[in-house]
Structures are given as C-alpha cells and as structure tokens.
PDB file of all heavy atoms in Angstrom:
ATOM      1  N   GLN A   1       0.780  -1.193   0.051  1.00  0.00           N
ATOM      2  CA  GLN A   1       0.049   0.013   0.002  1.00  0.00           C
ATOM      3  C   GLN A   1       0.762   1.317   0.025  1.00  0.00           C
ATOM      4  O   GLN A   1       1.865   1.250   0.678  1.00  0.00           O
ATOM      5  CB  GLN A   1      -0.898   0.029   1.283  1.00  0.00           C
ATOM      6  CG  GLN A   1      -1.926  -1.217   1.294  1.00  0.00           C
ATOM      7  CD  GLN A   1      -2.862  -1.243   0.145  1.00  0.00           C
ATOM      8  OE1 GLN A   1      -3.580  -0.167  -0.126  1.00  0.00           O
ATOM      9  NE2 GLN A   1      -2.744  -2.206  -0.639  1.00  0.00           N
ATOM     10  N   PRO A   2       0.494   2.274  -0.740  1.00  0.00           N
ATOM     11  CA  PRO A   2       1.129   3.619  -0.626  1.00  0.00           C
ATOM     12  C   PRO A   2       1.161   4.137   0.727  1.00  0.00           C
ATOM     13  O   PRO A   2       0.153   3.996   1.444  1.00  0.00           O
ATOM     14  CB  PRO A   2       0.353   4.521  -1.602  1.00  0.00           C
ATOM     15  CG  PRO A   2      -1.063   3.950  -1.664  1.00  0.00           C
ATOM     16  CD  PRO A   2      -0.792   2.364  -1.522  1.00  0.00           C
ATOM     17  N   LYS A   3       2.367   4.656   1.140  1.00  0.00           N
ATOM     18  CA  LYS A   3       2.357   5.285   2.494  1.00  0.00           C
ATOM     19  C   LYS A   3       1.330   6.505   2.566  1.00  0.00           C
ATOM     20  O   LYS A   3       1.234   7.280   1.638  1.00  0.00           O
ATOM     21  CB  LYS A   3       3.704   5.693   2.807  1.00  0.00           C
ATOM     22  CG  LYS A   3       4.735   4.532   2.965  1.00  0.00           C
ATOM     23  CD  LYS A   3       6.116   4.980   3.311  1.00  0.00           C
ATOM     24  CE  LYS A   3       7.018   3.834   3.471  1.00  0.00           C
ATOM     25  NZ  LYS A   3       8.413   4.237   3.972  1.00  0.00           N
ATOM     26  N   PRO A   4       0.714   6.593   3.663  1.00  0.00           N
ATOM     27  CA  PRO A   4      -0.335   7.639   3.858  1.00  0.00           C
ATOM     28  C   PRO A   4       0.525   8.995   3.974  1.00  0.00           C
ATOM     29  O   PRO A   4       1.666   9.013   4.314  1.00  0.00           O
ATOM     30  CB  PRO A   4      -0.973   7.432   5.233  1.00  0.00           C
ATOM     31  CG  PRO A   4      -0.007   6.502   5.832  1.00  0.00           C
ATOM     32  CD  PRO A   4       0.679   5.711   4.889  1.00  0.00           C
ATOM     33  N   PRO A   5      -0.097  10.015   3.601  1.00  0.00           N
ATOM     34  CA  PRO A   5       0.605  11.292   3.587  1.00  0.00           C
ATOM     35  C   PRO A   5       0.905  11.763   5.148  1.00  0.00           C
ATOM     36  O   PRO A   5       0.108  11.139   6.116  1.00  0.00           O
ATOM     37  CB  PRO A   5      -0.426  12.320   3.084  1.00  0.00           C
ATOM     38  CG  PRO A   5      -1.655  11.636   3.230  1.00  0.00           C
ATOM     39  CD  PRO A   5      -1.481  10.209   3.039  1.00  0.00           C
ATOM     40  N   PRO A   6       1.914  12.437   5.423  1.00  0.00           N
ATOM     41  CA  PRO A   6       2.201  12.645   6.769  1.00  0.00           C
ATOM     42  C   PRO A   6       1.137  13.499   7.458  1.00  0.00           C
ATOM     43  O   PRO A   6       0.375  14.275   6.848  1.00  0.00           O
ATOM     44  CB  PRO A   6       3.461  13.556   6.788  1.00  0.00           C
ATOM     45  CG  PRO A   6       3.439  14.090   5.299  1.00  0.00           C
ATOM     46  CD  PRO A   6       2.804  13.073   4.462  1.00  0.00           C
ATOM     47  N   VAL A   7       0.856  13.180   8.733  1.00  0.00           N
ATOM     48  CA  VAL A   7      -0.206  13.831   9.447  1.00  0.00           C
ATOM     49  C   VAL A   7       0.104  15.345   9.660  1.00  0.00           C
ATOM     50  O   VAL A   7       1.254  15.590  10.076  1.00  0.00           O
ATOM     51  CB  VAL A   7      -0.488  13.094  10.833  1.00  0.00           C
ATOM     52  CG1 VAL A   7      -1.562  13.925  11.508  1.00  0.00           C
ATOM     53  CG2 VAL A   7      -0.887  11.671  10.554  1.00  0.00           C
ATOM     54  N   SER A   8      -0.764  16.222   9.251  1.00  0.00           N
ATOM     55  CA  SER A   8      -0.459  17.541   9.450  1.00  0.00           C
ATOM     56  C   SER A   8      -0.265  17.918  10.960  1.00  0.00           C
ATOM     57  O   SER A   8      -1.007  17.442  11.821  1.00  0.00           O
ATOM     58  CB  SER A   8      -1.587  18.484   8.895  1.00  0.00           C
ATOM     59  OG  SER A   8      -2.850  18.152   9.613  1.00  0.00           O
ATOM     60  N   ARG A   9       0.705  18.820  11.190  1.00  0.00           N
ATOM     61  CA  ARG A   9       0.942  19.201  12.699  1.00  0.00           C
ATOM     62  C   ARG A   9      -0.136  20.186  13.093  1.00  0.00           C
ATOM     63  O   ARG A   9      -0.770  21.030  12.423  1.00  0.00           O
ATOM     64  CB  ARG A   9       2.306  19.836  12.650  1.00  0.00           C
ATOM     65  CG  ARG A   9       3.398  19.013  12.306  1.00  0.00           C
ATOM     66  CD  ARG A   9       4.723  19.571  12.542  1.00  0.00           C
ATOM     67  NE  ARG A   9       4.988  19.803  13.916  1.00  0.00           N
ATOM     68  CZ  ARG A   9       6.038  20.363  14.446  1.00  0.00           C
ATOM     69  NH1 ARG A   9       6.973  20.844  13.640  1.00  0.00           N
ATOM     70  NH2 ARG A   9       6.099  20.640  15.704  1.00  0.00           N
ATOM     71  N   ILE A  10      -0.357  20.118  14.417  1.00  0.00           N
ATOM     72  CA  ILE A  10      -1.273  21.010  15.007  1.00  0.00           C
ATOM     73  C   ILE A  10      -0.680  22.369  15.186  1.00  0.00           C
ATOM     74  O   ILE A  10       0.503  22.428  15.615  1.00  0.00           O
ATOM     75  CB  ILE A  10      -1.644  20.506  16.448  1.00  0.00           C
ATOM     76  CG1 ILE A  10      -2.177  19.064  16.326  1.00  0.00           C
ATOM     77  CG2 ILE A  10      -2.681  21.346  17.112  1.00  0.00           C
ATOM     78  CD1 ILE A  10      -2.508  18.414  17.686  1.00  0.00           C
ATOM     79  N   SER A  11      -1.327  23.408  14.876  1.00  0.00           N
ATOM     80  CA  SER A  11      -0.870  24.644  14.832  1.00  0.00           C
ATOM     81  C   SER A  11      -0.572  25.129  16.276  1.00  0.00           C
ATOM     82  O   SER A  11      -1.148  24.598  17.290  1.00  0.00           O
ATOM     83  CB  SER A  11      -1.818  25.792  14.258  1.00  0.00           C
ATOM     84  OG  SER A  11      -3.010  25.877  15.077  1.00  0.00           O
ATOM     85  N   ALA A  12       0.337  26.103  16.433  1.00  0.00           N
ATOM     86  CA  ALA A  12       0.611  26.685  17.738  1.00  0.00           C
ATOM     87  C   ALA A  12      -0.601  27.279  18.415  1.00  0.00           C
ATOM     88  O   ALA A  12      -0.806  27.055  19.682  1.00  0.00           O
ATOM     89  CB  ALA A  12       1.752  27.733  17.618  1.00  0.00           C
ATOM     90  N   GLU A  13      -1.511  27.854  17.596  1.00  0.00           N
ATOM     91  CA  GLU A  13      -2.672  28.522  18.199  1.00  0.00           C
ATOM     92  C   GLU A  13      -3.591  27.405  18.719  1.00  0.00           C
ATOM     93  O   GLU A  13      -4.136  27.579  19.872  1.00  0.00           O
ATOM     94  CB  GLU A  13      -3.343  29.326  17.045  1.00  0.00           C
ATOM     95  CG  GLU A  13      -2.746  30.553  16.644  1.00  0.00           C
ATOM     96  CD  GLU A  13      -1.495  30.287  15.729  1.00  0.00           C
ATOM     97  OE1 GLU A  13      -1.389  29.159  15.206  1.00  0.00           O
ATOM     98  OE2 GLU A  13      -0.811  31.177  15.405  1.00  0.00           O
ATOM     99  N   ASP A  14      -3.869  26.246  17.981  1.00  0.00           N
ATOM    100  CA  ASP A  14      -4.661  25.261  18.452  1.00  0.00           C
ATOM    101  C   ASP A  14      -4.106  24.490  19.666  1.00  0.00           C
ATOM    102  O   ASP A  14      -4.838  24.100  20.610  1.00  0.00           O
ATOM    103  CB  ASP A  14      -4.958  24.268  17.343  1.00  0.00           C
ATOM    104  CG  ASP A  14      -6.142  24.756  16.445  1.00  0.00           C
ATOM    105  OD1 ASP A  14      -6.848  25.710  16.903  1.00  0.00           O
ATOM    106  OD2 ASP A  14      -6.319  24.107  15.330  1.00  0.00           O
ATOM    107  N   THR A  15      -2.761  24.326  19.627  1.00  0.00           N
ATOM    108  CA  THR A  15      -2.092  23.710  20.740  1.00  0.00           C
ATOM    109  C   THR A  15      -2.281  24.532  22.077  1.00  0.00           C
ATOM    110  O   THR A  15      -2.674  23.966  23.143  1.00  0.00           O
ATOM    111  CB  THR A  15      -0.565  23.668  20.472  1.00  0.00           C
ATOM    112  OG1 THR A  15      -0.399  22.718  19.427  1.00  0.00           O
ATOM    113  CG2 THR A  15       0.140  23.041  21.776  1.00  0.00           C
ATOM    114  N   ALA A  16      -2.143  25.841  21.883  1.00  0.00           N
ATOM    115  CA  ALA A  16      -2.438  26.672  23.076  1.00  0.00           C
ATOM    116  C   ALA A  16      -3.795  26.688  23.501  1.00  0.00           C
ATOM    117  O   ALA A  16      -4.165  26.642  24.761  1.00  0.00           O
ATOM    118  CB  ALA A  16      -1.920  28.127  22.748  1.00  0.00           C
ATOM    119  N   MET A  17      -4.735  26.742  22.630  1.00  0.00           N
ATOM    120  CA  MET A  17      -6.171  26.701  22.859  1.00  0.00           C
ATOM    121  C   MET A  17      -6.565  25.452  23.659  1.00  0.00           C
ATOM    122  O   MET A  17      -7.272  25.594  24.629  1.00  0.00           O
ATOM    123  CB  MET A  17      -6.994  26.894  21.592  1.00  0.00           C
ATOM    124  CG  MET A  17      -8.520  26.787  21.731  1.00  0.00           C
ATOM    125  SD  MET A  17      -9.225  25.085  21.875  1.00  0.00           S
ATOM    126  CE  MET A  17      -8.861  24.454  20.192  1.00  0.00           C
ATOM    127  N   ILE A  18      -6.159  24.288  23.119  1.00  0.00           N
ATOM    128  CA  ILE A  18      -6.654  23.091  23.816  1.00  0.00           C
ATOM    129  C   ILE A  18      -5.961  22.809  25.120  1.00  0.00           C
ATOM    130  O   ILE A  18      -6.641  22.243  26.038  1.00  0.00           O
ATOM    131  CB  ILE A  18      -6.425  21.849  22.820  1.00  0.00           C
ATOM    132  CG1 ILE A  18      -7.287  20.565  23.273  1.00  0.00           C
ATOM    133  CG2 ILE A  18      -4.982  21.392  22.701  1.00  0.00           C
ATOM    134  CD1 ILE A  18      -8.814  20.895  23.001  1.00  0.00           C
ATOM    135  N   GLN A  19      -4.691  23.316  25.159  1.00  0.00           N
ATOM    136  CA  GLN A  19      -4.007  23.159  26.558  1.00  0.00           C
ATOM    137  C   GLN A  19      -4.589  24.036  27.564  1.00  0.00           C
ATOM    138  O   GLN A  19      -4.663  23.773  28.732  1.00  0.00           O
ATOM    139  CB  GLN A  19      -2.540  23.348  26.378  1.00  0.00           C
ATOM    140  CG  GLN A  19      -1.860  22.263  25.609  1.00  0.00           C
ATOM    141  CD  GLN A  19      -0.377  22.320  25.459  1.00  0.00           C
ATOM    142  OE1 GLN A  19       0.148  23.447  25.945  1.00  0.00           O
ATOM    143  NE2 GLN A  19       0.251  21.455  24.961  1.00  0.00           N
ATOM    144  N   ARG A  20      -5.090  25.290  27.200  1.00  0.00           N
ATOM    145  CA  ARG A  20      -5.708  26.281  28.106  1.00  0.00           C
ATOM    146  C   ARG A  20      -7.093  25.582  28.591  1.00  0.00           C
ATOM    147  O   ARG A  20      -7.536  25.976  29.629  1.00  0.00           O
ATOM    148  CB  ARG A  20      -6.043  27.611  27.451  1.00  0.00           C
ATOM    149  CG  ARG A  20      -4.832  28.502  27.350  1.00  0.00           C
ATOM    150  CD  ARG A  20      -5.244  29.883  27.005  1.00  0.00           C
ATOM    151  NE  ARG A  20      -6.204  29.974  25.808  1.00  0.00           N
ATOM    152  CZ  ARG A  20      -5.806  30.140  24.609  1.00  0.00           C
ATOM    153  NH1 ARG A  20      -4.481  30.219  24.312  1.00  0.00           N
ATOM    154  NH2 ARG A  20      -6.654  30.253  23.582  1.00  0.00           N
ATOM    155  N   ALA A  21      -7.664  24.657  27.796  1.00  0.00           N
ATOM    156  CA  ALA A  21      -8.949  24.140  28.180  1.00  0.00           C
ATOM    157  C   ALA A  21      -8.814  23.101  29.220  1.00  0.00           C
ATOM    158  O   ALA A  21      -9.860  22.666  29.865  1.00  0.00           O
ATOM    159  CB  ALA A  21      -9.562  23.602  26.881  1.00  0.00           C
ATOM    160  N   VAL A  22      -7.665  22.676  29.604  1.00  0.00           N
ATOM    161  CA  VAL A  22      -7.469  21.646  30.652  1.00  0.00           C
ATOM    162  C   VAL A  22      -7.811  22.179  32.096  1.00  0.00           C
ATOM    163  O   VAL A  22      -7.351  23.237  32.410  1.00  0.00           O
ATOM    164  CB  VAL A  22      -6.052  21.079  30.683  1.00  0.00           C
ATOM    165  CG1 VAL A  22      -5.859  20.120  31.818  1.00  0.00           C
ATOM    166  CG2 VAL A  22      -5.687  20.428  29.247  1.00  0.00           C
ATOM    167  N   ILE A  23      -8.740  21.566  32.625  1.00  0.00           N
ATOM    168  CA  ILE A  23      -9.103  21.928  34.084  1.00  0.00           C
ATOM    169  C   ILE A  23      -8.644  20.836  35.136  1.00  0.00           C
ATOM    170  O   ILE A  23      -8.777  21.250  36.251  1.00  0.00           O
ATOM    171  CB  ILE A  23     -10.670  22.308  34.153  1.00  0.00           C
ATOM    172  CG1 ILE A  23     -11.415  20.887  33.811  1.00  0.00           C
ATOM    173  CG2 ILE A  23     -11.058  23.354  33.403  1.00  0.00           C
ATOM    174  CD1 ILE A  23     -12.936  21.052  33.931  1.00  0.00           C
ATOM    175  N   TYR A  24      -8.248  19.815  34.693  1.00  0.00           N
ATOM    176  CA  TYR A  24      -7.724  18.778  35.619  1.00  0.00           C
ATOM    177  C   TYR A  24      -6.854  17.827  34.940  1.00  0.00           C
ATOM    178  O   TYR A  24      -7.140  17.503  33.765  1.00  0.00           O
ATOM    179  CB  TYR A  24      -8.899  17.978  36.229  1.00  0.00           C
ATOM    180  CG  TYR A  24      -8.399  17.006  37.293  1.00  0.00           C
ATOM    181  CD1 TYR A  24      -8.058  17.265  38.691  1.00  0.00           C
ATOM    182  CD2 TYR A  24      -8.180  15.598  36.864  1.00  0.00           C
ATOM    183  CE1 TYR A  24      -7.633  16.249  39.586  1.00  0.00           C
ATOM    184  CE2 TYR A  24      -7.681  14.674  37.670  1.00  0.00           C
ATOM    185  CZ  TYR A  24      -7.391  15.045  39.039  1.00  0.00           C
ATOM    186  OH  TYR A  24      -6.931  14.038  39.842  1.00  0.00           O
TER     187      TYR A  24
END
C-alpha cells in the first residue's frame, strides 16, 4: 500500500487553545 501522507501538525494556536482548556 502507498504510504499515507504525513499527518499535518497541530498549529501553535490550536495547541495553546486546547491546553488552556485543561481543568484537571
């Protein structure tokens, strides 16, 4: 099978957003 395309990296903005959402 052809190798799947590399998974796109999470943007810095989305990384910061989802980490800010952590409450515990």
